[in-house]
Amino acid sequence: MENRVYPWKEETQLSEHEEAAQETYTIKQTSELTGLPEDTIRYYEKIGLLPKAKRRANSHRVYGSEDVQTMKLILCLKKTGMSLEEMKPYLDMSRAGDLAETPEAFDRIRAYRAEVLEQMASLQTIVDFIDLKLSQGTLLNQQDCDADPQEGPGLPAKRDSRFR
């Protein structure tokens, strides 16, 4: 794993004036807002996926709205099947610029989108198979769940995922 130096990794301490000027959240509040466990938030900071949290005078972590949005972005990227290491460049871009300005990143996100659509189509075939079995009232017959519904009798035709 490559050791990158991220500009946001330095710990900074918020003054009372800075904290009053922006809405901040404790790690517990941030966990509740994002659905990420506190330990996961700390781990993401440790590996450089998240910027190091700013600290109050008592050394407790505080997070701002931008940090919460970054954590929500991480959750979305995880749902695409992207690894934590693969996310780092995208998170860098989200802090620094526009995705459209980086064609390779834009293409990669589009590829992830295509993979997700393919998974959705596959899952829909399974749902259609289950619906058929429920309507037939039996689990036994010649139709396999991995059979293409357009090729075999019994299952409804696949839905066209391009219009979803």
Protein backbone atom coordinates (compact mmCIF):
# COMPACT_ATOMS: atom_id res chain seq x y z
CA MET A 1 0.00 0.00 0.00
CA GLU A 2 1.39 3.33 -1.06
CA ASN A 3 2.10 5.91 1.65
CA ARG A 4 0.67 9.17 0.43
CA VAL A 5 0.96 12.46 2.18
CA TYR A 6 -2.44 14.09 2.35
CA PRO A 7 -2.61 17.80 3.08
CA TRP A 8 -5.48 17.37 5.54
CA LYS A 9 -3.73 14.81 7.77
CA GLU A 10 -2.35 17.37 10.15
CA GLU A 11 -4.33 17.59 13.38
CA THR A 12 -5.66 21.03 14.07
CA GLN A 13 -7.28 22.42 17.13
CA LEU A 14 -10.37 24.59 16.90
CA SER A 15 -10.48 27.80 18.81
CA GLU A 16 -13.72 28.60 20.61
CA HIS A 17 -14.39 31.30 18.00
CA GLU A 18 -13.89 28.87 15.07
CA GLU A 19 -16.13 26.28 16.67
CA ALA A 20 -18.87 28.83 17.26
CA ALA A 21 -18.61 30.02 13.64
CA GLN A 22 -19.28 26.59 12.15
CA GLU A 23 -21.61 23.81 13.14
CA THR A 24 -19.61 20.96 14.61
CA TYR A 25 -20.46 17.49 15.76
CA THR A 26 -18.93 15.13 18.28
CA ILE A 27 -17.83 11.72 17.05
CA LYS A 28 -21.01 10.25 18.58
CA GLN A 29 -23.23 12.77 16.75
CA THR A 30 -21.29 12.20 13.53
CA SER A 31 -21.76 8.45 13.92
CA GLU A 32 -25.51 8.94 14.35
CA LEU A 33 -25.71 11.27 11.32
CA THR A 34 -23.78 8.96 9.01
CA GLY A 35 -24.51 5.49 10.34
CA LEU A 36 -20.77 4.79 10.60
CA PRO A 37 -19.62 3.32 13.91
CA GLU A 38 -17.25 5.53 15.90
CA ASP A 39 -14.45 2.98 15.56
CA THR A 40 -14.88 2.98 11.78
CA ILE A 41 -14.62 6.78 11.68
CA ARG A 42 -11.39 6.59 13.68
CA TYR A 43 -10.08 3.84 11.37
CA TYR A 44 -10.89 5.86 8.25
CA GLU A 45 -8.92 8.76 9.75
CA LYS A 46 -6.02 6.47 10.59
CA ILE A 47 -5.72 5.14 7.01
CA GLY A 48 -6.09 8.60 5.48
CA LEU A 49 -9.51 8.07 3.96
CA LEU A 50 -10.87 10.90 6.10
CA PRO A 51 -9.03 14.03 7.12
CA LYS A 52 -7.76 14.06 10.68
CA ALA A 53 -10.50 15.47 12.86
CA LYS A 54 -10.11 18.89 14.34
CA ARG A 55 -9.89 18.85 18.10
CA ARG A 56 -11.44 20.84 20.89
CA ALA A 57 -9.24 22.18 23.67
CA ASN A 58 -10.03 19.01 25.65
CA SER A 59 -8.67 16.98 22.65
CA HIS A 60 -12.08 15.55 21.71
CA ARG A 61 -12.68 15.17 17.99
CA VAL A 62 -15.09 17.50 16.23
CA TYR A 63 -16.43 17.19 12.71
CA GLY A 64 -17.99 19.71 10.38
CA SER A 65 -20.70 19.39 7.74
CA GLU A 66 -18.08 18.74 5.04
CA ASP A 67 -16.71 15.82 7.05
CA VAL A 68 -20.21 14.37 7.38
CA GLN A 69 -20.73 14.71 3.60
CA THR A 70 -17.40 12.96 2.96
CA MET A 71 -18.46 10.06 5.19
CA LYS A 72 -21.76 9.78 3.35
CA LEU A 73 -19.85 9.75 0.06
CA ILE A 74 -17.68 6.90 1.39
CA LEU A 75 -20.82 4.93 2.22
CA CYS A 76 -22.15 5.46 -1.30
CA LEU A 77 -18.86 4.45 -2.90
CA LYS A 78 -18.74 1.32 -0.72
CA LYS A 79 -22.14 0.32 -2.09
CA THR A 80 -20.67 0.34 -5.61
CA GLY A 81 -18.19 -2.33 -4.54
CA MET A 82 -15.24 0.08 -4.53
CA SER A 83 -12.45 -0.77 -2.10
CA LEU A 84 -11.31 1.77 0.48
CA GLU A 85 -7.97 2.14 -1.30
CA GLU A 86 -9.72 2.80 -4.63
CA MET A 87 -11.79 5.54 -2.98
CA LYS A 88 -8.87 7.72 -1.94
CA PRO A 89 -8.33 9.44 -5.32
CA TYR A 90 -12.07 10.12 -5.66
CA LEU A 91 -12.21 11.61 -2.21
CA ASP A 92 -9.19 13.77 -3.07
CA MET A 93 -11.06 15.01 -6.15
CA SER A 94 -14.24 15.66 -4.20
CA ARG A 95 -12.27 17.99 -1.95
CA ALA A 96 -10.28 19.61 -4.73
CA GLY A 97 -12.36 19.81 -7.86
CA ASP A 98 -14.95 18.66 -10.29
CA LEU A 99 -15.24 15.02 -11.34
CA ALA A 100 -15.78 16.10 -14.95
CA GLU A 101 -12.30 17.66 -14.94
CA THR A 102 -10.75 14.21 -14.48
CA PRO A 103 -11.84 11.99 -17.40
CA GLU A 104 -10.30 8.79 -16.02
CA ALA A 105 -12.19 9.20 -12.74
CA PHE A 106 -15.39 9.99 -14.60
CA ASP A 107 -14.95 6.85 -16.73
CA ARG A 108 -14.26 4.72 -13.65
CA ILE A 109 -17.42 5.91 -11.91
CA ARG A 110 -19.40 5.19 -15.09
CA ALA A 111 -17.94 1.67 -15.13
CA TYR A 112 -19.03 1.15 -11.51
CA ARG A 113 -22.49 2.36 -12.51
CA ALA A 114 -22.65 -0.21 -15.31
CA GLU A 115 -21.60 -2.97 -12.90
CA VAL A 116 -24.34 -1.98 -10.45
CA LEU A 117 -26.95 -1.98 -13.24
CA GLU A 118 -25.79 -5.46 -14.26
CA GLN A 119 -26.12 -6.67 -10.67
CA MET A 120 -29.62 -5.16 -10.50
CA ALA A 121 -30.67 -7.02 -13.66
CA SER A 122 -29.31 -10.27 -12.24
CA LEU A 123 -31.16 -9.74 -8.96
CA GLN A 124 -34.36 -8.92 -10.86
CA THR A 125 -34.09 -12.29 -12.64
CA ILE A 126 -33.90 -13.99 -9.24
CA VAL A 127 -36.91 -12.03 -7.97
CA ASP A 128 -38.85 -13.03 -11.10
CA PHE A 129 -37.91 -16.69 -10.46
CA ILE A 130 -39.10 -16.46 -6.85
CA ASP A 131 -42.34 -14.80 -7.99
CA LEU A 132 -42.89 -17.64 -10.46
CA LYS A 133 -42.33 -20.26 -7.78
CA LEU A 134 -44.74 -18.49 -5.46
CA SER A 135 -47.41 -18.27 -8.17
CA GLN A 136 -46.93 -21.96 -9.10
CA GLY A 137 -47.06 -22.99 -5.46
CA THR A 138 -44.16 -25.39 -5.94
CA LEU A 139 -40.41 -25.23 -5.92
CA LEU A 140 -40.04 -28.27 -8.16
CA ASN A 141 -40.04 -28.09 -11.95
CA GLN A 142 -37.60 -27.89 -14.83
CA GLN A 143 -36.79 -24.15 -14.54
CA ASP A 144 -33.44 -23.20 -12.96
CA CYS A 145 -32.96 -19.89 -11.20
CA ASP A 146 -29.94 -19.07 -13.35
CA ALA A 147 -31.79 -19.74 -16.60
CA ASP A 148 -32.38 -16.80 -18.89
CA PRO A 149 -36.09 -15.97 -18.65
CA GLN A 150 -36.13 -14.97 -22.30
CA GLU A 151 -34.90 -18.42 -23.35
CA GLY A 152 -36.96 -20.67 -21.13
CA PRO A 153 -40.68 -21.11 -20.56
CA GLY A 154 -42.30 -20.01 -17.37
CA LEU A 155 -40.32 -16.98 -16.29
CA PRO A 156 -41.36 -13.51 -17.37
CA ALA A 157 -39.06 -11.67 -19.78
CA LYS A 158 -36.21 -9.63 -18.31
CA ARG A 159 -36.99 -6.02 -17.74
CA ASP A 160 -34.99 -3.46 -19.68
CA SER A 161 -32.71 -1.84 -17.07
CA ARG A 162 -31.83 1.08 -19.37
CA PHE A 163 -35.00 2.86 -18.32
CA ARG A 164 -34.51 2.65 -14.56
